[in-house]
Amino acid sequence: MNIFSNICALLADRNVVFRTIHHQPTFTSEESAAARGEEVKIGGKALVMKVDDKFKLFVISATLKADSKKIKQYFKAKSIRFATKEELLELTSLVPGSVPPFGRPILNFDLFVDKSIVENEKIAFNAGSLTDSIIMKTSDYLALTNPSIFSFSQSE
């Protein structure tokens, strides 16, 4: 099964109400929001970052950028950087823009969610491809994924 199918199966198994949308390939948060017919801010942008020597998954509102200083402070880390396209492919079998905001059991990462996600009623995200999105209640997403939540975004 692919990641999209795995997420749908997990949500269905937990009786979570969600909506799927199959759309043209989207390469930006704005394109994804337009394809879904939703506001950009509810988009959950999933970022794989290497904090010191370990990769972690961070999710922020699609209208924001990650603040590396806040992340370094939170982890008391010496170094932080985004995963390269090659590392992302090796770790997840996915391309940039297709990473869903799910750690284990979907992706083998510790999951960290910015407070900007918690403020929205819904979360929308590309689910393992550039052509498949899922929209669901943020409360269901948080209950299902049980992430660590802290503020690590900056306004664009």
N, C-alpha and C. Protein backbone atom coordinates (compact mmCIF):
# COMPACT_ATOMS: atom_id res chain seq x y z
N MET A 1 0.84 -1.20 0.00
CA MET A 1 0.00 0.00 0.00
C MET A 1 0.88 1.25 0.00
N ASN A 2 0.39 2.30 -0.64
CA ASN A 2 1.16 3.55 -0.65
C ASN A 2 0.77 4.42 0.55
N ILE A 3 1.46 5.52 0.72
CA ILE A 3 1.23 6.39 1.89
C ILE A 3 -0.19 6.93 1.91
N PHE A 4 -0.70 7.37 0.76
CA PHE A 4 -2.07 7.89 0.71
C PHE A 4 -3.06 6.83 1.20
N SER A 5 -2.93 5.61 0.71
CA SER A 5 -3.81 4.51 1.13
C SER A 5 -3.65 4.21 2.62
N ASN A 6 -2.41 4.27 3.10
CA ASN A 6 -2.15 4.01 4.52
C ASN A 6 -2.82 5.06 5.41
N ILE A 7 -2.75 6.31 5.00
CA ILE A 7 -3.38 7.38 5.79
C ILE A 7 -4.91 7.20 5.77
N CYS A 8 -5.47 6.96 4.59
CA CYS A 8 -6.92 6.76 4.48
C CYS A 8 -7.38 5.58 5.34
N ALA A 9 -6.61 4.50 5.31
CA ALA A 9 -6.95 3.32 6.12
C ALA A 9 -6.88 3.63 7.61
N LEU A 10 -5.85 4.37 8.03
CA LEU A 10 -5.71 4.75 9.44
C LEU A 10 -6.88 5.62 9.88
N LEU A 11 -7.25 6.60 9.07
CA LEU A 11 -8.36 7.49 9.41
C LEU A 11 -9.68 6.73 9.47
N ALA A 12 -9.90 5.87 8.49
CA ALA A 12 -11.14 5.08 8.47
C ALA A 12 -11.21 4.14 9.67
N ASP A 13 -10.07 3.53 10.00
CA ASP A 13 -10.00 2.60 11.13
C ASP A 13 -10.34 3.31 12.45
N ARG A 14 -9.98 4.58 12.56
CA ARG A 14 -10.25 5.35 13.78
C ARG A 14 -11.56 6.12 13.70
N ASN A 15 -12.35 5.85 12.66
CA ASN A 15 -13.64 6.52 12.47
C ASN A 15 -13.53 8.04 12.38
N VAL A 16 -12.45 8.51 11.74
CA VAL A 16 -12.23 9.94 11.56
C VAL A 16 -12.90 10.37 10.25
N VAL A 17 -13.67 11.45 10.32
CA VAL A 17 -14.30 12.00 9.12
C VAL A 17 -13.25 12.80 8.38
N PHE A 18 -13.09 12.51 7.08
CA PHE A 18 -12.12 13.24 6.26
C PHE A 18 -12.61 13.27 4.82
N ARG A 19 -12.02 14.17 4.06
CA ARG A 19 -12.38 14.30 2.65
C ARG A 19 -11.10 14.19 1.83
N THR A 20 -11.17 13.44 0.74
CA THR A 20 -10.02 13.34 -0.16
C THR A 20 -10.33 14.11 -1.44
N ILE A 21 -9.29 14.66 -2.03
CA ILE A 21 -9.42 15.37 -3.30
C ILE A 21 -8.28 14.93 -4.19
N HIS A 22 -8.63 14.48 -5.39
CA HIS A 22 -7.62 14.16 -6.40
C HIS A 22 -7.56 15.38 -7.33
N HIS A 23 -6.38 15.94 -7.53
CA HIS A 23 -6.25 17.18 -8.30
C HIS A 23 -5.00 17.13 -9.18
N GLN A 24 -4.86 18.16 -10.00
CA GLN A 24 -3.66 18.26 -10.82
C GLN A 24 -2.45 18.38 -9.89
N PRO A 25 -1.25 18.04 -10.36
CA PRO A 25 -0.07 18.17 -9.50
C PRO A 25 0.09 19.62 -9.01
N THR A 26 0.36 19.77 -7.73
CA THR A 26 0.56 21.11 -7.15
C THR A 26 1.97 21.18 -6.58
N PHE A 27 2.61 22.32 -6.80
CA PHE A 27 4.01 22.47 -6.40
C PHE A 27 4.21 23.56 -5.36
N THR A 28 3.17 24.32 -5.05
CA THR A 28 3.25 25.35 -4.01
C THR A 28 2.04 25.24 -3.10
N SER A 29 2.14 25.85 -1.94
CA SER A 29 1.02 25.87 -1.00
C SER A 29 -0.19 26.57 -1.61
N GLU A 30 0.07 27.63 -2.37
CA GLU A 30 -1.01 28.38 -3.00
C GLU A 30 -1.74 27.53 -4.04
N GLU A 31 -0.96 26.79 -4.86
CA GLU A 31 -1.58 25.90 -5.86
C GLU A 31 -2.41 24.81 -5.17
N SER A 32 -1.88 24.26 -4.09
CA SER A 32 -2.60 23.21 -3.37
C SER A 32 -3.92 23.75 -2.81
N ALA A 33 -3.87 24.93 -2.20
CA ALA A 33 -5.09 25.52 -1.63
C ALA A 33 -6.13 25.78 -2.72
N ALA A 34 -5.70 26.28 -3.86
CA ALA A 34 -6.63 26.55 -4.97
C ALA A 34 -7.25 25.24 -5.47
N ALA A 35 -6.45 24.20 -5.59
CA ALA A 35 -6.96 22.90 -6.06
C ALA A 35 -7.96 22.31 -5.08
N ARG A 36 -7.77 22.60 -3.80
CA ARG A 36 -8.67 22.06 -2.77
C ARG A 36 -9.88 22.96 -2.54
N GLY A 37 -9.81 24.21 -3.01
CA GLY A 37 -10.88 25.16 -2.74
C GLY A 37 -10.91 25.59 -1.28
N GLU A 38 -9.73 25.66 -0.67
CA GLU A 38 -9.62 26.00 0.75
C GLU A 38 -8.63 27.16 0.92
N GLU A 39 -8.66 27.79 2.10
CA GLU A 39 -7.71 28.85 2.40
C GLU A 39 -6.30 28.28 2.55
N VAL A 40 -5.31 29.07 2.14
CA VAL A 40 -3.92 28.63 2.23
C VAL A 40 -3.54 28.34 3.68
N LYS A 41 -4.06 29.15 4.61
CA LYS A 41 -3.61 29.03 6.01
C LYS A 41 -3.95 27.69 6.67
N ILE A 42 -4.96 26.97 6.14
CA ILE A 42 -5.27 25.67 6.76
C ILE A 42 -4.36 24.56 6.24
N GLY A 43 -3.57 24.90 5.24
CA GLY A 43 -2.62 23.91 4.72
C GLY A 43 -1.59 23.55 5.78
N GLY A 44 -1.35 22.27 5.96
CA GLY A 44 -0.32 21.80 6.87
C GLY A 44 0.94 21.50 6.08
N LYS A 45 1.92 22.39 6.18
CA LYS A 45 3.17 22.22 5.46
C LYS A 45 4.10 21.35 6.31
N ALA A 46 4.46 20.19 5.76
CA ALA A 46 5.30 19.23 6.49
C ALA A 46 6.75 19.38 6.04
N LEU A 47 7.62 19.62 7.01
CA LEU A 47 9.04 19.86 6.74
C LEU A 47 9.88 18.81 7.46
N VAL A 48 10.72 18.11 6.72
CA VAL A 48 11.65 17.17 7.32
C VAL A 48 12.95 17.92 7.54
N MET A 49 13.37 17.99 8.80
CA MET A 49 14.59 18.72 9.15
C MET A 49 15.51 17.84 9.97
N LYS A 50 16.79 18.07 9.78
CA LYS A 50 17.79 17.35 10.57
C LYS A 50 18.21 18.26 11.72
N VAL A 51 17.91 17.80 12.92
CA VAL A 51 18.25 18.54 14.13
C VAL A 51 19.42 17.79 14.77
N ASP A 52 20.58 18.44 14.78
CA ASP A 52 21.84 17.77 15.14
C ASP A 52 21.98 16.53 14.25
N ASP A 53 21.86 15.34 14.78
CA ASP A 53 22.10 14.16 13.94
C ASP A 53 20.84 13.33 13.68
N LYS A 54 19.65 13.90 13.97
CA LYS A 54 18.41 13.13 13.81
C LYS A 54 17.37 13.90 12.99
N PHE A 55 16.74 13.20 12.05
CA PHE A 55 15.68 13.81 11.26
C PHE A 55 14.37 13.81 12.04
N LYS A 56 13.63 14.93 11.94
CA LYS A 56 12.36 15.10 12.62
C LYS A 56 11.38 15.74 11.64
N LEU A 57 10.09 15.58 11.90
CA LEU A 57 9.05 16.13 11.04
C LEU A 57 8.36 17.29 11.74
N PHE A 58 8.33 18.44 11.06
CA PHE A 58 7.72 19.65 11.60
C PHE A 58 6.56 20.07 10.70
N VAL A 59 5.44 20.48 11.31
CA VAL A 59 4.26 20.87 10.54
C VAL A 59 3.86 22.29 10.96
N ILE A 60 3.76 23.16 9.95
CA ILE A 60 3.34 24.54 10.19
C ILE A 60 2.28 24.94 9.18
N SER A 61 1.58 26.03 9.47
CA SER A 61 0.61 26.57 8.52
C SER A 61 1.34 26.92 7.23
N ALA A 62 0.69 26.65 6.11
CA ALA A 62 1.30 26.90 4.80
C ALA A 62 1.60 28.37 4.54
N THR A 63 1.06 29.27 5.35
CA THR A 63 1.34 30.70 5.16
C THR A 63 2.58 31.15 5.92
N LEU A 64 3.20 30.25 6.66
CA LEU A 64 4.33 30.62 7.53
C LEU A 64 5.61 29.90 7.14
N LYS A 65 6.71 30.37 7.73
CA LYS A 65 8.02 29.73 7.57
C LYS A 65 8.50 29.27 8.93
N ALA A 66 9.31 28.22 8.93
CA ALA A 66 9.90 27.73 10.17
C ALA A 66 11.00 28.70 10.62
N ASP A 67 11.05 28.94 11.91
CA ASP A 67 12.08 29.79 12.51
C ASP A 67 13.15 28.86 13.10
N SER A 68 14.27 28.73 12.41
CA SER A 68 15.29 27.78 12.84
C SER A 68 15.86 28.12 14.23
N LYS A 69 15.87 29.39 14.59
CA LYS A 69 16.36 29.77 15.92
C LYS A 69 15.47 29.19 17.02
N LYS A 70 14.14 29.26 16.81
CA LYS A 70 13.21 28.72 17.80
C LYS A 70 13.37 27.20 17.92
N ILE A 71 13.57 26.53 16.78
CA ILE A 71 13.74 25.08 16.79
C ILE A 71 15.04 24.70 17.48
N LYS A 72 16.11 25.43 17.18
CA LYS A 72 17.41 25.15 17.83
C LYS A 72 17.30 25.35 19.34
N GLN A 73 16.62 26.41 19.75
CA GLN A 73 16.45 26.66 21.19
C GLN A 73 15.65 25.55 21.86
N TYR A 74 14.55 25.14 21.22
CA TYR A 74 13.68 24.11 21.78
C TYR A 74 14.45 22.81 22.04
N PHE A 75 15.29 22.43 21.09
CA PHE A 75 16.04 21.17 21.20
C PHE A 75 17.43 21.35 21.80
N LYS A 76 17.81 22.62 22.09
CA LYS A 76 19.17 22.92 22.54
C LYS A 76 20.17 22.31 21.55
N ALA A 77 19.87 22.50 20.27
CA ALA A 77 20.64 21.89 19.19
C ALA A 77 21.78 22.79 18.73
N LYS A 78 22.82 22.16 18.25
CA LYS A 78 23.95 22.90 17.68
C LYS A 78 23.70 23.23 16.21
N SER A 79 23.06 22.29 15.50
CA SER A 79 22.82 22.52 14.07
C SER A 79 21.43 22.07 13.67
N ILE A 80 20.91 22.72 12.62
CA ILE A 80 19.60 22.37 12.08
C ILE A 80 19.61 22.72 10.60
N ARG A 81 19.00 21.84 9.81
CA ARG A 81 18.89 22.11 8.37
C ARG A 81 17.75 21.28 7.79
N PHE A 82 17.28 21.71 6.62
CA PHE A 82 16.26 20.95 5.90
C PHE A 82 16.90 19.71 5.29
N ALA A 83 16.12 18.65 5.18
CA ALA A 83 16.57 17.46 4.47
C ALA A 83 16.73 17.83 2.99
N THR A 84 17.74 17.27 2.35
CA THR A 84 17.90 17.49 0.91
C THR A 84 16.84 16.65 0.17
N LYS A 85 16.65 16.95 -1.11
CA LYS A 85 15.71 16.15 -1.91
C LYS A 85 16.10 14.68 -1.89
N GLU A 86 17.40 14.42 -1.96
CA GLU A 86 17.90 13.05 -1.96
C GLU A 86 17.64 12.36 -0.62
N GLU A 87 17.90 13.06 0.48
CA GLU A 87 17.63 12.50 1.81
C GLU A 87 16.14 12.24 1.98
N LEU A 88 15.32 13.19 1.54
CA LEU A 88 13.87 13.05 1.66
C LEU A 88 13.40 11.81 0.91
N LEU A 89 13.89 11.63 -0.29
CA LEU A 89 13.53 10.47 -1.10
C LEU A 89 13.97 9.18 -0.41
N GLU A 90 15.18 9.17 0.13
CA GLU A 90 15.71 7.99 0.80
C GLU A 90 14.92 7.66 2.07
N LEU A 91 14.58 8.69 2.84
CA LEU A 91 13.89 8.50 4.13
C LEU A 91 12.40 8.20 3.98
N THR A 92 11.76 8.75 2.94
CA THR A 92 10.30 8.67 2.85
C THR A 92 9.78 8.11 1.52
N SER A 93 10.63 8.01 0.53
CA SER A 93 10.23 7.66 -0.85
C SER A 93 9.34 8.74 -1.46
N LEU A 94 9.41 9.97 -0.92
CA LEU A 94 8.56 11.06 -1.38
C LEU A 94 9.37 12.23 -1.93
N VAL A 95 8.70 13.06 -2.73
CA VAL A 95 9.32 14.27 -3.27
C VAL A 95 8.87 15.47 -2.43
N PRO A 96 9.62 16.57 -2.46
CA PRO A 96 9.19 17.76 -1.72
C PRO A 96 7.77 18.17 -2.13
N GLY A 97 6.99 18.55 -1.15
CA GLY A 97 5.61 18.97 -1.40
C GLY A 97 4.59 17.86 -1.25
N SER A 98 5.06 16.61 -1.15
CA SER A 98 4.13 15.49 -1.03
C SER A 98 4.13 14.85 0.36
N VAL A 99 4.99 15.35 1.25
CA VAL A 99 5.12 14.75 2.58
C VAL A 99 3.88 15.09 3.42
N PRO A 100 3.19 14.07 3.92
CA PRO A 100 2.03 14.33 4.77
C PRO A 100 2.47 14.67 6.20
N PRO A 101 1.61 15.34 6.97
CA PRO A 101 1.98 15.75 8.32
C PRO A 101 1.79 14.64 9.36
N PHE A 102 2.32 13.46 9.07
CA PHE A 102 2.16 12.30 9.95
C PHE A 102 3.51 11.69 10.28
N GLY A 103 3.77 11.53 11.57
CA GLY A 103 4.92 10.75 12.02
C GLY A 103 4.51 9.29 12.04
N ARG A 104 4.98 8.58 13.04
CA ARG A 104 4.64 7.15 13.16
C ARG A 104 3.14 6.97 13.39
N PRO A 105 2.48 6.00 12.79
CA PRO A 105 3.03 4.85 12.06
C PRO A 105 3.17 5.09 10.56
N ILE A 106 2.85 6.29 10.07
CA ILE A 106 2.91 6.54 8.62
C ILE A 106 4.36 6.79 8.18
N LEU A 107 5.01 7.75 8.80
CA LEU A 107 6.42 8.04 8.52
C LEU A 107 7.21 7.91 9.81
N ASN A 108 8.40 7.39 9.72
CA ASN A 108 9.20 7.07 10.90
C ASN A 108 9.94 8.29 11.45
N PHE A 109 9.16 9.28 11.93
CA PHE A 109 9.74 10.49 12.48
C PHE A 109 9.01 10.88 13.77
N ASP A 110 9.73 11.56 14.66
CA ASP A 110 9.08 12.26 15.77
C ASP A 110 8.36 13.45 15.13
N LEU A 111 7.15 13.76 15.61
CA LEU A 111 6.30 14.78 15.01
C LEU A 111 6.16 15.99 15.92
N PHE A 112 6.38 17.17 15.32
CA PHE A 112 6.27 18.44 16.03
C PHE A 112 5.37 19.37 15.24
N VAL A 113 4.37 19.93 15.91
CA VAL A 113 3.37 20.77 15.26
C VAL A 113 3.45 22.18 15.83
N ASP A 114 3.47 23.16 14.93
CA ASP A 114 3.48 24.56 15.35
C ASP A 114 2.09 24.97 15.84
N LYS A 115 2.06 25.94 16.74
CA LYS A 115 0.78 26.41 17.29
C LYS A 115 -0.14 26.98 16.22
N SER A 116 0.42 27.40 15.07
CA SER A 116 -0.41 27.93 13.97
C SER A 116 -1.39 26.89 13.44
N ILE A 117 -1.04 25.62 13.53
CA ILE A 117 -1.93 24.54 13.08
C ILE A 117 -3.11 24.41 14.04
N VAL A 118 -2.83 24.49 15.33
CA VAL A 118 -3.85 24.32 16.38
C VAL A 118 -4.94 25.38 16.27
N GLU A 119 -4.58 26.56 15.76
CA GLU A 119 -5.52 27.68 15.67
C GLU A 119 -6.59 27.50 14.59
N ASN A 120 -6.37 26.57 13.67
CA ASN A 120 -7.31 26.36 12.57
C ASN A 120 -8.29 25.23 12.88
N GLU A 121 -9.52 25.38 12.39
CA GLU A 121 -10.54 24.35 12.60
C GLU A 121 -10.26 23.10 11.76
N LYS A 122 -9.68 23.33 10.55
CA LYS A 122 -9.38 22.22 9.64
C LYS A 122 -7.90 22.23 9.28
N ILE A 123 -7.42 21.08 8.82
CA ILE A 123 -6.08 20.98 8.25
C ILE A 123 -6.22 20.27 6.91
N ALA A 124 -5.50 20.79 5.92
CA ALA A 124 -5.49 20.20 4.58
C ALA A 124 -4.05 19.92 4.22
N PHE A 125 -3.80 18.82 3.52
CA PHE A 125 -2.41 18.48 3.20
C PHE A 125 -2.32 17.53 2.02
N ASN A 126 -1.21 17.63 1.31
CA ASN A 126 -0.89 16.64 0.29
C ASN A 126 -0.54 15.36 1.03
N ALA A 127 -1.08 14.26 0.56
CA ALA A 127 -1.01 13.01 1.31
C ALA A 127 -0.20 11.95 0.57
N GLY A 128 1.09 12.19 0.46
CA GLY A 128 1.95 11.20 -0.15
C GLY A 128 2.13 11.34 -1.65
N SER A 129 1.51 12.36 -2.23
CA SER A 129 1.70 12.64 -3.65
C SER A 129 1.40 14.11 -3.89
N LEU A 130 1.71 14.58 -5.08
CA LEU A 130 1.41 15.97 -5.43
C LEU A 130 0.00 16.10 -6.00
N THR A 131 -0.74 14.98 -6.08
CA THR A 131 -2.07 14.98 -6.70
C THR A 131 -3.20 14.51 -5.78
N ASP A 132 -2.88 14.16 -4.54
CA ASP A 132 -3.91 13.69 -3.60
C ASP A 132 -3.83 14.48 -2.30
N SER A 133 -4.95 15.07 -1.92
CA SER A 133 -5.02 15.84 -0.67
C SER A 133 -6.07 15.25 0.24
N ILE A 134 -5.90 15.53 1.52
CA ILE A 134 -6.87 15.16 2.54
C ILE A 134 -7.18 16.41 3.35
N ILE A 135 -8.46 16.56 3.68
CA ILE A 135 -8.91 17.65 4.56
C ILE A 135 -9.66 17.00 5.71
N MET A 136 -9.32 17.43 6.94
CA MET A 136 -9.95 16.86 8.12
C MET A 136 -9.96 17.89 9.24
N LYS A 137 -10.70 17.61 10.30
CA LYS A 137 -10.73 18.50 11.46
C LYS A 137 -9.36 18.48 12.14
N THR A 138 -8.89 19.64 12.53
CA THR A 138 -7.62 19.73 13.24
C THR A 138 -7.66 18.96 14.55
N SER A 139 -8.79 19.01 15.24
CA SER A 139 -8.89 18.30 16.52
C SER A 139 -8.70 16.79 16.32
N ASP A 140 -9.26 16.24 15.25
CA ASP A 140 -9.07 14.82 14.94
C ASP A 140 -7.61 14.53 14.59
N TYR A 141 -7.02 15.42 13.79
CA TYR A 141 -5.61 15.26 13.41
C TYR A 141 -4.71 15.22 14.64
N LEU A 142 -4.91 16.15 15.55
CA LEU A 142 -4.07 16.22 16.75
C LEU A 142 -4.28 15.01 17.66
N ALA A 143 -5.53 14.57 17.79
CA ALA A 143 -5.83 13.40 18.62
C ALA A 143 -5.19 12.14 18.03
N LEU A 144 -5.20 12.04 16.73
CA LEU A 144 -4.67 10.86 16.05
C LEU A 144 -3.14 10.83 16.04
N THR A 145 -2.52 11.98 15.82
CA THR A 145 -1.05 12.01 15.66
C THR A 145 -0.30 12.24 16.96
N ASN A 146 -0.97 12.82 17.96
CA ASN A 146 -0.36 13.09 19.27
C ASN A 146 1.02 13.73 19.16
N PRO A 147 1.11 14.88 18.48
CA PRO A 147 2.42 15.51 18.30
C PRO A 147 2.86 16.31 19.51
N SER A 148 4.13 16.67 19.54
CA SER A 148 4.61 17.69 20.48
C SER A 148 4.28 19.02 19.83
N ILE A 149 3.69 19.92 20.60
CA ILE A 149 3.25 21.22 20.05
C ILE A 149 4.06 22.33 20.70
N PHE A 150 4.67 23.18 19.85
CA PHE A 150 5.33 24.38 20.33
C PHE A 150 5.37 25.41 19.20
N SER A 151 5.73 26.63 19.52
CA SER A 151 5.74 27.69 18.53
C SER A 151 7.10 27.76 17.84
N PHE A 152 7.13 27.45 16.54
CA PHE A 152 8.39 27.53 15.81
C PHE A 152 8.25 28.20 14.45
N SER A 153 7.20 29.01 14.29
CA SER A 153 6.99 29.67 13.00
C SER A 153 7.33 31.15 13.09
N GLN A 154 7.58 31.71 11.92
CA GLN A 154 7.74 33.15 11.80
C GLN A 154 6.84 33.59 10.67
N SER A 155 6.36 34.82 10.69
CA SER A 155 5.53 35.32 9.60
C SER A 155 6.40 35.55 8.38
N GLU A 156 5.81 35.36 7.20
CA GLU A 156 6.58 35.59 5.97
C GLU A 156 6.68 37.06 5.71
